[in-house]
Amino acid sequence: MKCWINLDALKSLLAVQTIAHTGVEVAGKRAVVIGRSKIVGSPMSSLLMWNHATVTTCHSKTKNLAEVCSEADILVAAVGKPMLVKADWVKPGAVVIDCGINSVDGRLVGDVDFNSVRHVASWITPVPGGVGPMTVAMLLQNTFEGARQSSL
């Protein structure tokens, strides 16, 4: 018996679990997801909606992006633009999940300007060291679970 694991939504599932670990209740919150890719943005929007958040999905054509982001209780950046999200884009106390990974001058940075946003957000994932390593850990967990189920 072969076991196939859907890897596309893995990072999004991890981000929702990360939000849950912050103690923030997703239901009823206003969430903004910057990015609409099939791998992170769209699955993330769906998962947040399924968890009863009111979700706005933004993209390169979104007007007044900073204003839209500043209304979010939960802000997810998954757009591939280095340090796009600045402190004045973030609602004080918001949870910020940075799913971006970009190389700038030989160093890895996310889609969020971590050094400025960390003073505004109640919780933020760093890049590197945030969502990426947890994605690997979740992949291993899912691989183990798939192997266990296939041996039943």
Protein backbone atom coordinates (compact mmCIF):
# COMPACT_ATOMS: atom_id res chain seq x y z
CA MET A 1 0.00 0.00 0.00
CA LYS A 2 1.38 3.40 -0.98
CA CYS A 3 0.79 6.43 1.22
CA TRP A 4 0.85 9.87 -0.42
CA ILE A 5 1.24 12.98 1.71
CA ASN A 6 0.00 16.31 0.37
CA LEU A 7 3.07 18.52 0.80
CA ASP A 8 1.61 21.63 -0.82
CA ALA A 9 -0.38 22.76 2.19
CA LEU A 10 2.19 21.62 4.76
CA LYS A 11 3.62 25.09 5.43
CA SER A 12 0.11 26.54 5.73
CA LEU A 13 -0.97 23.84 8.15
CA LEU A 14 2.14 24.52 10.19
CA ALA A 15 1.39 28.25 10.26
CA VAL A 16 -2.14 27.59 11.59
CA GLN A 17 -0.69 25.30 14.26
CA THR A 18 1.87 27.98 15.13
CA ILE A 19 -0.92 30.50 15.61
CA ALA A 20 -2.72 28.01 17.88
CA HIS A 21 0.44 27.66 20.01
CA THR A 22 0.43 31.42 20.63
CA GLY A 23 -2.84 31.03 22.52
CA VAL A 24 -4.65 33.37 20.12
CA GLU A 25 -8.12 32.17 19.18
CA VAL A 26 -8.43 32.25 15.38
CA ALA A 27 -12.24 32.21 15.33
CA GLY A 28 -13.66 35.68 14.84
CA LYS A 29 -10.28 37.29 14.12
CA ARG A 30 -9.52 39.35 11.06
CA ALA A 31 -6.72 37.65 9.10
CA VAL A 32 -4.78 39.01 6.15
CA VAL A 33 -2.69 36.74 3.94
CA ILE A 34 -0.26 38.46 1.57
CA GLY A 35 0.25 36.05 -1.32
CA ARG A 36 -2.04 33.70 -3.21
CA SER A 37 0.25 30.91 -4.36
CA LYS A 38 -1.03 27.36 -4.55
CA ILE A 39 1.70 26.27 -2.15
CA VAL A 40 1.27 28.70 0.77
CA GLY A 41 -1.05 31.67 0.26
CA SER A 42 -4.23 30.01 -0.99
CA PRO A 43 -4.07 27.02 1.39
CA MET A 44 -3.33 29.42 4.27
CA SER A 45 -6.38 31.54 3.45
CA SER A 46 -8.55 28.42 3.29
CA LEU A 47 -7.24 27.01 6.57
CA LEU A 48 -7.81 30.30 8.39
CA MET A 49 -11.33 30.51 6.96
CA TRP A 50 -12.06 26.90 7.97
CA ASN A 51 -10.98 27.95 11.48
CA HIS A 52 -13.58 30.75 11.37
CA ALA A 53 -11.34 33.77 10.76
CA THR A 54 -12.51 36.52 8.43
CA VAL A 55 -9.84 36.37 5.73
CA THR A 56 -8.59 38.88 3.19
CA THR A 57 -6.16 37.52 0.60
CA CYS A 58 -3.89 40.17 -0.90
CA HIS A 59 -1.66 40.12 -3.98
CA SER A 60 0.42 42.38 -6.19
CA LYS A 61 -2.64 44.30 -7.41
CA THR A 62 -4.16 44.94 -3.97
CA LYS A 63 -4.76 48.65 -3.45
CA ASN A 64 -3.66 50.20 -0.14
CA LEU A 65 -1.87 47.04 0.98
CA ALA A 66 -0.37 48.66 4.08
CA GLU A 67 -3.82 49.87 5.18
CA VAL A 68 -5.38 46.43 4.66
CA CYS A 69 -2.57 44.78 6.63
CA SER A 70 -2.88 47.27 9.50
CA GLU A 71 -6.38 45.98 10.24
CA ALA A 72 -5.28 42.35 10.71
CA ASP A 73 -5.28 40.53 14.03
CA ILE A 74 -3.36 37.77 12.21
CA LEU A 75 -1.01 38.69 9.37
CA VAL A 76 0.62 36.05 7.18
CA ALA A 77 3.30 37.10 4.67
CA ALA A 78 3.94 34.63 1.87
CA VAL A 79 4.71 36.82 -1.12
CA GLY A 80 8.45 36.51 -1.80
CA LYS A 81 9.32 40.20 -1.40
CA PRO A 82 12.17 40.80 1.06
CA MET A 83 11.18 42.81 4.13
CA LEU A 84 8.01 44.11 2.47
CA VAL A 85 5.98 44.35 5.68
CA LYS A 86 7.07 47.25 7.91
CA ALA A 87 6.09 48.10 11.48
CA ASP A 88 3.51 50.69 10.43
CA TRP A 89 1.71 47.97 8.43
CA VAL A 90 1.08 45.92 11.57
CA LYS A 91 -1.75 46.39 14.06
CA PRO A 92 -0.33 46.58 17.61
CA GLY A 93 -0.62 43.17 19.23
CA ALA A 94 -1.11 41.26 15.96
CA VAL A 95 0.29 37.78 15.38
CA VAL A 96 2.66 37.87 12.39
CA ILE A 97 3.65 34.70 10.54
CA ASP A 98 6.45 35.17 8.02
CA CYS A 99 6.46 32.35 5.44
CA GLY A 100 8.84 34.17 3.11
CA ILE A 101 12.47 33.26 2.49
CA ASN A 102 14.65 35.61 0.47
CA SER A 103 18.39 36.09 0.02
CA VAL A 104 19.58 39.68 0.37
CA ASP A 105 23.31 40.47 0.27
CA GLY A 106 24.15 36.88 1.18
CA ARG A 107 21.81 36.64 4.19
CA LEU A 108 18.35 35.13 4.56
CA VAL A 109 15.44 37.44 5.34
CA GLY A 110 11.70 37.05 5.32
CA ASP A 111 8.86 39.03 3.80
CA VAL A 112 8.56 40.91 7.12
CA ASP A 113 11.04 43.48 8.44
CA PHE A 114 11.55 41.48 11.62
CA ASN A 115 13.61 44.08 13.52
CA SER A 116 10.92 46.76 13.26
CA VAL A 117 7.81 44.57 13.41
CA ARG A 118 8.88 42.65 16.53
CA HIS A 119 8.27 45.79 18.59
CA VAL A 120 4.65 46.03 17.39
CA ALA A 121 3.50 42.40 17.07
CA SER A 122 2.53 40.30 20.07
CA TRP A 123 4.10 37.30 18.34
CA ILE A 124 6.25 36.95 15.21
CA THR A 125 8.11 34.13 13.48
CA PRO A 126 11.74 34.85 12.58
CA VAL A 127 13.48 34.12 9.27
CA PRO A 128 15.58 32.04 9.31
CA GLY A 129 14.60 29.78 12.18
CA GLY A 130 10.81 30.11 12.21
CA VAL A 131 8.42 28.39 9.84
CA GLY A 132 11.14 26.66 7.75
CA PRO A 133 12.62 24.30 10.38
CA MET A 134 9.14 23.56 11.69
CA THR A 135 8.08 22.58 8.16
CA VAL A 136 10.87 19.98 8.11
CA ALA A 137 9.80 18.68 11.53
CA MET A 138 6.18 18.41 10.39
CA LEU A 139 7.27 16.64 7.19
CA LEU A 140 9.11 14.07 9.27
CA GLN A 141 6.07 13.66 11.53
CA ASN A 142 3.79 13.15 8.52
CA THR A 143 6.26 10.69 6.94
CA PHE A 144 6.33 8.68 10.16
CA GLU A 145 2.54 8.75 10.42
CA GLY A 146 2.20 7.67 6.78
CA ALA A 147 4.59 4.77 7.34
CA ARG A 148 2.72 3.75 10.49
CA GLN A 149 -0.63 3.79 8.70
CA SER A 150 0.67 1.83 5.72
CA SER A 151 1.87 -0.97 8.01
CA LEU A 152 -1.57 -1.43 9.61
